[in-house]
């Protein structure tokens, strides 16, 4: 479920996404320290969206690396019997 204030996360750079996740984690610590449960709930929802986008990007990168890694090792390794 997406938080209504999340916006389009695909427009963010990887660096901006990481900074936002770090910022939300810091705010969550403050929310827990002050006992503001409403804020913690909302911040967690936002953080979940940002982290889901980070996982999506990581999975996309892994998939592209797998597709590009079709090296045929038979030509590189010569085993003689």
PDB file of N, CA and C in Angstrom:
ATOM      1  N   UNK A   1       0.837  -1.176   0.000  1.00  0.00           N
ATOM      2  CA  UNK A   1       0.000   0.000   0.000  1.00  0.00           C
ATOM      3  C   UNK A   1       0.880   1.236   0.000  1.00  0.00           C
ATOM      4  N   UNK A   2       0.616   2.144  -0.888  1.00  0.00           N
ATOM      5  CA  UNK A   2       1.431   3.349  -0.989  1.00  0.00           C
ATOM      6  C   UNK A   2       0.851   4.472  -0.148  1.00  0.00           C
ATOM      7  N   UNK A   3       1.743   5.201   0.456  1.00  0.00           N
ATOM      8  CA  UNK A   3       1.349   6.378   1.218  1.00  0.00           C
ATOM      9  C   UNK A   3       0.972   7.478   0.228  1.00  0.00           C
ATOM     10  N   UNK A   4      -0.085   8.215   0.470  1.00  0.00           N
ATOM     11  CA  UNK A   4      -0.524   9.230  -0.496  1.00  0.00           C
ATOM     12  C   UNK A   4       0.473  10.370  -0.713  1.00  0.00           C
ATOM     13  N   UNK A   5       1.378  10.577   0.209  1.00  0.00           N
ATOM     14  CA  UNK A   5       2.346  11.671   0.068  1.00  0.00           C
ATOM     15  C   UNK A   5       3.678  11.227  -0.517  1.00  0.00           C
ATOM     16  N   UNK A   6       3.785   9.965  -0.885  1.00  0.00           N
ATOM     17  CA  UNK A   6       5.052   9.439  -1.385  1.00  0.00           C
ATOM     18  C   UNK A   6       5.458  10.083  -2.698  1.00  0.00           C
ATOM     19  N   UNK A   7       4.564  10.195  -3.630  1.00  0.00           N
ATOM     20  CA  UNK A   7       4.910  10.756  -4.932  1.00  0.00           C
ATOM     21  C   UNK A   7       5.564   9.703  -5.820  1.00  0.00           C
ATOM     22  N   UNK A   8       6.128  10.150  -6.926  1.00  0.00           N
ATOM     23  CA  UNK A   8       6.760   9.240  -7.879  1.00  0.00           C
ATOM     24  C   UNK A   8       8.226   9.059  -7.503  1.00  0.00           C
ATOM     25  N   UNK A   9       8.539   7.916  -6.945  1.00  0.00           N
ATOM     26  CA  UNK A   9       9.900   7.658  -6.475  1.00  0.00           C
ATOM     27  C   UNK A   9      10.854   7.308  -7.603  1.00  0.00           C
ATOM     28  N   UNK A  10      10.326   6.934  -8.743  1.00  0.00           N
ATOM     29  CA  UNK A  10      11.192   6.590  -9.876  1.00  0.00           C
ATOM     30  C   UNK A  10      11.917   7.811 -10.429  1.00  0.00           C
ATOM     31  N   UNK A  11      11.439   8.988 -10.096  1.00  0.00           N
ATOM     32  CA  UNK A  11      12.096  10.212 -10.552  1.00  0.00           C
ATOM     33  C   UNK A  11      13.323  10.566  -9.714  1.00  0.00           C
ATOM     34  N   UNK A  12      13.447   9.970  -8.533  1.00  0.00           N
ATOM     35  CA  UNK A  12      14.573  10.273  -7.653  1.00  0.00           C
ATOM     36  C   UNK A  12      15.832   9.543  -8.109  1.00  0.00           C
ATOM     37  N   UNK A  13      16.964  10.186  -7.901  1.00  0.00           N
ATOM     38  CA  UNK A  13      18.238   9.502  -8.160  1.00  0.00           C
ATOM     39  C   UNK A  13      18.483   8.515  -7.026  1.00  0.00           C
ATOM     40  N   UNK A  14      19.408   7.592  -7.239  1.00  0.00           N
ATOM     41  CA  UNK A  14      19.741   6.613  -6.197  1.00  0.00           C
ATOM     42  C   UNK A  14      20.246   7.303  -4.939  1.00  0.00           C
ATOM     43  N   UNK A  15      21.037   8.351  -5.125  1.00  0.00           N
ATOM     44  CA  UNK A  15      21.583   9.091  -3.992  1.00  0.00           C
ATOM     45  C   UNK A  15      20.465   9.783  -3.212  1.00  0.00           C
ATOM     46  N   UNK A  16      19.533  10.424  -3.923  1.00  0.00           N
ATOM     47  CA  UNK A  16      18.419  11.093  -3.252  1.00  0.00           C
ATOM     48  C   UNK A  16      17.533  10.098  -2.520  1.00  0.00           C
ATOM     49  N   UNK A  17      17.343   8.938  -3.108  1.00  0.00           N
ATOM     50  CA  UNK A  17      16.533   7.899  -2.470  1.00  0.00           C
ATOM     51  C   UNK A  17      17.194   7.446  -1.167  1.00  0.00           C
ATOM     52  N   UNK A  18      18.497   7.235  -1.194  1.00  0.00           N
ATOM     53  CA  UNK A  18      19.218   6.826   0.013  1.00  0.00           C
ATOM     54  C   UNK A  18      19.164   7.902   1.087  1.00  0.00           C
ATOM     55  N   UNK A  19      19.315   9.146   0.676  1.00  0.00           N
ATOM     56  CA  UNK A  19      19.247  10.257   1.637  1.00  0.00           C
ATOM     57  C   UNK A  19      17.866  10.331   2.290  1.00  0.00           C
ATOM     58  N   UNK A  20      16.825  10.132   1.501  1.00  0.00           N
ATOM     59  CA  UNK A  20      15.468  10.195   2.029  1.00  0.00           C
ATOM     60  C   UNK A  20      15.216   9.060   3.006  1.00  0.00           C
ATOM     61  N   UNK A  21      15.713   7.865   2.702  1.00  0.00           N
ATOM     62  CA  UNK A  21      15.559   6.739   3.617  1.00  0.00           C
ATOM     63  C   UNK A  21      16.277   7.021   4.932  1.00  0.00           C
ATOM     64  N   UNK A  22      17.482   7.567   4.845  1.00  0.00           N
ATOM     65  CA  UNK A  22      18.238   7.909   6.041  1.00  0.00           C
ATOM     66  C   UNK A  22      17.506   8.975   6.869  1.00  0.00           C
ATOM     67  N   UNK A  23      16.978   9.976   6.192  1.00  0.00           N
ATOM     68  CA  UNK A  23      16.242  11.055   6.872  1.00  0.00           C
ATOM     69  C   UNK A  23      14.989  10.500   7.569  1.00  0.00           C
ATOM     70  N   UNK A  24      14.271   9.628   6.894  1.00  0.00           N
ATOM     71  CA  UNK A  24      13.070   9.044   7.502  1.00  0.00           C
ATOM     72  C   UNK A  24      13.426   8.182   8.704  1.00  0.00           C
ATOM     73  N   UNK A  25      14.533   7.450   8.627  1.00  0.00           N
ATOM     74  CA  UNK A  25      14.970   6.651   9.780  1.00  0.00           C
ATOM     75  C   UNK A  25      15.289   7.537  10.978  1.00  0.00           C
ATOM     76  N   UNK A  26      15.947   8.673  10.746  1.00  0.00           N
ATOM     77  CA  UNK A  26      16.257   9.611  11.837  1.00  0.00           C
ATOM     78  C   UNK A  26      14.978  10.171  12.448  1.00  0.00           C
ATOM     79  N   UNK A  27      14.021  10.498  11.592  1.00  0.00           N
ATOM     80  CA  UNK A  27      12.752  11.038  12.092  1.00  0.00           C
ATOM     81  C   UNK A  27      11.972   9.988  12.874  1.00  0.00           C
ATOM     82  N   UNK A  28      12.077   8.730  12.435  1.00  0.00           N
ATOM     83  CA  UNK A  28      11.405   7.661  13.160  1.00  0.00           C
ATOM     84  C   UNK A  28      11.972   7.504  14.569  1.00  0.00           C
ATOM     85  N   UNK A  29      13.280   7.600  14.694  1.00  0.00           N
ATOM     86  CA  UNK A  29      13.907   7.514  16.015  1.00  0.00           C
ATOM     87  C   UNK A  29      13.335   8.602  16.914  1.00  0.00           C
ATOM     88  N   UNK A  30      13.238   9.816  16.396  1.00  0.00           N
ATOM     89  CA  UNK A  30      12.671  10.918  17.162  1.00  0.00           C
ATOM     90  C   UNK A  30      11.211  10.636  17.515  1.00  0.00           C
ATOM     91  N   UNK A  31      10.467  10.097  16.567  1.00  0.00           N
ATOM     92  CA  UNK A  31       9.063   9.781  16.821  1.00  0.00           C
ATOM     93  C   UNK A  31       8.902   8.744  17.914  1.00  0.00           C
ATOM     94  N   UNK A  32       9.769   7.719  17.887  1.00  0.00           N
ATOM     95  CA  UNK A  32       9.725   6.711  18.941  1.00  0.00           C
ATOM     96  C   UNK A  32      10.127   7.305  20.294  1.00  0.00           C
ATOM     97  N   UNK A  33      11.123   8.174  20.300  1.00  0.00           N
ATOM     98  CA  UNK A  33      11.591   8.779  21.551  1.00  0.00           C
ATOM     99  C   UNK A  33      10.523   9.670  22.180  1.00  0.00           C
ATOM    100  N   UNK A  34       9.766  10.353  21.348  1.00  0.00           N
ATOM    101  CA  UNK A  34       8.735  11.263  21.868  1.00  0.00           C
ATOM    102  C   UNK A  34       7.401  10.563  22.089  1.00  0.00           C
ATOM    103  N   UNK A  35       7.287   9.327  21.632  1.00  0.00           N
ATOM    104  CA  UNK A  35       6.053   8.591  21.835  1.00  0.00           C
ATOM    105  C   UNK A  35       4.920   9.010  20.925  1.00  0.00           C
ATOM    106  N   UNK A  36       5.251   9.647  19.815  1.00  0.00           N
ATOM    107  CA  UNK A  36       4.242  10.120  18.875  1.00  0.00           C
ATOM    108  C   UNK A  36       3.856   8.978  17.925  1.00  0.00           C
ATOM    109  N   UNK A  37       2.892   8.167  18.333  1.00  0.00           N
ATOM    110  CA  UNK A  37       2.537   6.971  17.574  1.00  0.00           C
ATOM    111  C   UNK A  37       1.913   7.297  16.223  1.00  0.00           C
ATOM    112  N   UNK A  38       1.171   8.388  16.130  1.00  0.00           N
ATOM    113  CA  UNK A  38       0.580   8.752  14.838  1.00  0.00           C
ATOM    114  C   UNK A  38       1.668   9.086  13.823  1.00  0.00           C
ATOM    115  N   UNK A  39       2.657   9.839  14.265  1.00  0.00           N
ATOM    116  CA  UNK A  39       3.769  10.179  13.381  1.00  0.00           C
ATOM    117  C   UNK A  39       4.544   8.925  12.984  1.00  0.00           C
ATOM    118  N   UNK A  40       4.798   8.050  13.932  1.00  0.00           N
ATOM    119  CA  UNK A  40       5.555   6.825  13.664  1.00  0.00           C
ATOM    120  C   UNK A  40       4.836   5.985  12.610  1.00  0.00           C
ATOM    121  N   UNK A  41       3.518   5.890  12.709  1.00  0.00           N
ATOM    122  CA  UNK A  41       2.739   5.121  11.742  1.00  0.00           C
ATOM    123  C   UNK A  41       2.882   5.703  10.343  1.00  0.00           C
ATOM    124  N   UNK A  42       2.755   7.017  10.236  1.00  0.00           N
ATOM    125  CA  UNK A  42       2.858   7.670   8.929  1.00  0.00           C
ATOM    126  C   UNK A  42       4.283   7.587   8.364  1.00  0.00           C
ATOM    127  N   UNK A  43       5.272   7.801   9.215  1.00  0.00           N
ATOM    128  CA  UNK A  43       6.663   7.750   8.765  1.00  0.00           C
ATOM    129  C   UNK A  43       7.034   6.330   8.338  1.00  0.00           C
ATOM    130  N   UNK A  44       6.528   5.330   9.040  1.00  0.00           N
ATOM    131  CA  UNK A  44       6.785   3.944   8.653  1.00  0.00           C
ATOM    132  C   UNK A  44       6.176   3.633   7.294  1.00  0.00           C
ATOM    133  N   UNK A  45       4.987   4.152   7.038  1.00  0.00           N
ATOM    134  CA  UNK A  45       4.350   3.932   5.742  1.00  0.00           C
ATOM    135  C   UNK A  45       5.180   4.562   4.624  1.00  0.00           C
ATOM    136  N   UNK A  46       5.668   5.769   4.851  1.00  0.00           N
ATOM    137  CA  UNK A  46       6.532   6.419   3.865  1.00  0.00           C
ATOM    138  C   UNK A  46       7.827   5.642   3.671  1.00  0.00           C
ATOM    139  N   UNK A  47       8.436   5.245   4.772  1.00  0.00           N
ATOM    140  CA  UNK A  47       9.696   4.517   4.714  1.00  0.00           C
ATOM    141  C   UNK A  47       9.535   3.198   3.953  1.00  0.00           C
ATOM    142  N   UNK A  48       8.426   2.524   4.173  1.00  0.00           N
ATOM    143  CA  UNK A  48       8.175   1.271   3.454  1.00  0.00           C
ATOM    144  C   UNK A  48       8.125   1.505   1.948  1.00  0.00           C
ATOM    145  N   UNK A  49       7.526   2.601   1.520  1.00  0.00           N
ATOM    146  CA  UNK A  49       7.471   2.911   0.089  1.00  0.00           C
ATOM    147  C   UNK A  49       8.859   3.172  -0.476  1.00  0.00           C
ATOM    148  N   UNK A  50       9.653   3.938   0.247  1.00  0.00           N
ATOM    149  CA  UNK A  50      11.006   4.246  -0.220  1.00  0.00           C
ATOM    150  C   UNK A  50      11.877   2.995  -0.264  1.00  0.00           C
ATOM    151  N   UNK A  51      11.735   2.154   0.745  1.00  0.00           N
ATOM    152  CA  UNK A  51      12.539   0.933   0.780  1.00  0.00           C
ATOM    153  C   UNK A  51      12.090  -0.054  -0.301  1.00  0.00           C
ATOM    154  N   UNK A  52      10.806  -0.071  -0.602  1.00  0.00           N
ATOM    155  CA  UNK A  52      10.315  -0.933  -1.680  1.00  0.00           C
ATOM    156  C   UNK A  52      10.894  -0.483  -3.020  1.00  0.00           C
ATOM    157  N   UNK A  53      10.991   0.822  -3.222  1.00  0.00           N
ATOM    158  CA  UNK A  53      11.592   1.345  -4.452  1.00  0.00           C
ATOM    159  C   UNK A  53      13.068   0.987  -4.519  1.00  0.00           C
ATOM    160  N   UNK A  54      13.759   1.045  -3.386  1.00  0.00           N
ATOM    161  CA  UNK A  54      15.175   0.673  -3.353  1.00  0.00           C
ATOM    162  C   UNK A  54      15.341  -0.815  -3.688  1.00  0.00           C
ATOM    163  N   UNK A  55      14.475  -1.666  -3.147  1.00  0.00           N
ATOM    164  CA  UNK A  55      14.529  -3.099  -3.462  1.00  0.00           C
ATOM    165  C   UNK A  55      14.221  -3.344  -4.937  1.00  0.00           C
ATOM    166  N   UNK A  56      13.259  -2.600  -5.491  1.00  0.00           N
ATOM    167  CA  UNK A  56      12.912  -2.759  -6.897  1.00  0.00           C
ATOM    168  C   UNK A  56      14.105  -2.425  -7.774  1.00  0.00           C
ATOM    169  N   UNK A  57      14.806  -1.342  -7.454  1.00  0.00           N
ATOM    170  CA  UNK A  57      15.981  -0.939  -8.226  1.00  0.00           C
ATOM    171  C   UNK A  57      17.100  -1.969  -8.113  1.00  0.00           C
ATOM    172  N   UNK A  58      17.298  -2.497  -6.918  1.00  0.00           N
ATOM    173  CA  UNK A  58      18.330  -3.507  -6.723  1.00  0.00           C
ATOM    174  C   UNK A  58      18.007  -4.757  -7.516  1.00  0.00           C
ATOM    175  N   UNK A  59      16.751  -5.184  -7.486  1.00  0.00           N
ATOM    176  CA  UNK A  59      16.348  -6.372  -8.228  1.00  0.00           C
ATOM    177  C   UNK A  59      16.486  -6.149  -9.726  1.00  0.00           C
ATOM    178  N   UNK A  60      16.157  -4.955 -10.173  1.00  0.00           N
ATOM    179  CA  UNK A  60      16.310  -4.609 -11.595  1.00  0.00           C
ATOM    180  C   UNK A  60      17.781  -4.691 -12.010  1.00  0.00           C
ATOM    181  N   UNK A  61      18.672  -4.215 -11.154  1.00  0.00           N
ATOM    182  CA  UNK A  61      20.099  -4.272 -11.428  1.00  0.00           C
ATOM    183  C   UNK A  61      20.593  -5.720 -11.470  1.00  0.00           C
ATOM    184  N   UNK A  62      20.159  -6.521 -10.519  1.00  0.00           N
ATOM    185  CA  UNK A  62      20.557  -7.930 -10.487  1.00  0.00           C
ATOM    186  C   UNK A  62      20.072  -8.644 -11.746  1.00  0.00           C
ATOM    187  N   UNK A  63      18.844  -8.387 -12.145  1.00  0.00           N
ATOM    188  CA  UNK A  63      18.302  -9.020 -13.348  1.00  0.00           C
ATOM    189  C   UNK A  63      19.081  -8.616 -14.590  1.00  0.00           C
ATOM    190  N   UNK A  64      19.455  -7.340 -14.686  1.00  0.00           N
ATOM    191  CA  UNK A  64      20.204  -6.902 -15.856  1.00  0.00           C
ATOM    192  C   UNK A  64      21.610  -7.498 -15.871  1.00  0.00           C
ATOM    193  N   UNK A  65      22.205  -7.673 -14.703  1.00  0.00           N
ATOM    194  CA  UNK A  65      23.522  -8.301 -14.629  1.00  0.00           C
ATOM    195  C   UNK A  65      23.447  -9.775 -15.024  1.00  0.00           C
ATOM    196  N   UNK A  66      22.383 -10.445 -14.623  1.00  0.00           N
ATOM    197  CA  UNK A  66      22.213 -11.849 -14.994  1.00  0.00           C
ATOM    198  C   UNK A  66      22.034 -11.992 -16.500  1.00  0.00           C
ATOM    199  N   UNK A  67      21.277 -11.094 -17.099  1.00  0.00           N
ATOM    200  CA  UNK A  67      21.040 -11.157 -18.538  1.00  0.00           C
ATOM    201  C   UNK A  67      22.318 -10.888 -19.329  1.00  0.00           C
ATOM    202  N   UNK A  68      23.152 -10.004 -18.820  1.00  0.00           N
ATOM    203  CA  UNK A  68      24.377  -9.636 -19.523  1.00  0.00           C
ATOM    204  C   UNK A  68      25.537 -10.580 -19.222  1.00  0.00           C
ATOM    205  N   UNK A  69      25.331 -11.512 -18.334  1.00  0.00           N
ATOM    206  CA  UNK A  69      26.409 -12.414 -17.923  1.00  0.00           C
ATOM    207  C   UNK A  69      26.217 -13.785 -18.573  1.00  0.00           C
ATOM    208  N   UNK A  70      26.166 -13.809 -19.885  1.00  0.00           N
ATOM    209  CA  UNK A  70      25.993 -15.078 -20.598  1.00  0.00           C
ATOM    210  C   UNK A  70      27.320 -15.548 -21.187  1.00  0.00           C
ATOM    211  N   UNK A  71      28.377 -15.423 -20.416  1.00  0.00           N
ATOM    212  CA  UNK A  71      29.713 -15.818 -20.851  1.00  0.00           C
ATOM    213  C   UNK A  71      29.770 -17.329 -21.034  1.00  0.00           C
ATOM    214  N   UNK A  72      30.312 -17.736 -22.129  1.00  0.00           N
ATOM    215  CA  UNK A  72      30.490 -19.154 -22.402  1.00  0.00           C
ATOM    216  C   UNK A  72      31.894 -19.542 -21.959  1.00  0.00           C
ATOM    217  N   UNK A  73      31.985 -20.214 -20.817  1.00  0.00           N
ATOM    218  CA  UNK A  73      33.272 -20.551 -20.228  1.00  0.00           C
ATOM    219  C   UNK A  73      33.981 -21.663 -20.990  1.00  0.00           C
ATOM    220  N   UNK A  74      33.268 -22.401 -21.818  1.00  0.00           N
ATOM    221  CA  UNK A  74      33.897 -23.505 -22.548  1.00  0.00           C
ATOM    222  C   UNK A  74      35.022 -23.023 -23.459  1.00  0.00           C
ATOM    223  N   UNK A  75      34.897 -21.841 -24.012  1.00  0.00           N
ATOM    224  CA  UNK A  75      35.932 -21.302 -24.881  1.00  0.00           C
ATOM    225  C   UNK A  75      37.141 -20.796 -24.096  1.00  0.00           C
ATOM    226  N   UNK A  76      36.942 -20.499 -22.823  1.00  0.00           N
ATOM    227  CA  UNK A  76      38.019 -19.933 -22.017  1.00  0.00           C
ATOM    228  C   UNK A  76      38.822 -20.986 -21.249  1.00  0.00           C
ATOM    229  N   UNK A  77      38.193 -22.118 -20.984  1.00  0.00           N
ATOM    230  CA  UNK A  77      38.858 -23.155 -20.210  1.00  0.00           C
ATOM    231  C   UNK A  77      39.091 -24.356 -21.112  1.00  0.00           C
ATOM    232  N   UNK A  78      40.348 -24.753 -21.229  1.00  0.00           N
ATOM    233  CA  UNK A  78      40.704 -25.875 -22.077  1.00  0.00           C
ATOM    234  C   UNK A  78      41.133 -27.040 -21.168  1.00  0.00           C
ATOM    235  N   UNK A  79      40.270 -28.020 -21.085  1.00  0.00           N
ATOM    236  CA  UNK A  79      40.563 -29.188 -20.265  1.00  0.00           C
ATOM    237  C   UNK A  79      40.860 -30.349 -21.190  1.00  0.00           C
ATOM    238  N   UNK A  80      42.059 -30.885 -21.057  1.00  0.00           N
ATOM    239  CA  UNK A  80      42.495 -32.007 -21.898  1.00  0.00           C
ATOM    240  C   UNK A  80      42.488 -33.280 -21.080  1.00  0.00           C
ATOM    241  N   UNK A  81      42.004 -34.318 -21.705  1.00  0.00           N
ATOM    242  CA  UNK A  81      41.946 -35.594 -21.000  1.00  0.00           C
ATOM    243  C   UNK A  81      43.157 -36.424 -21.295  1.00  0.00           C
TER     244      UNK A  81
END
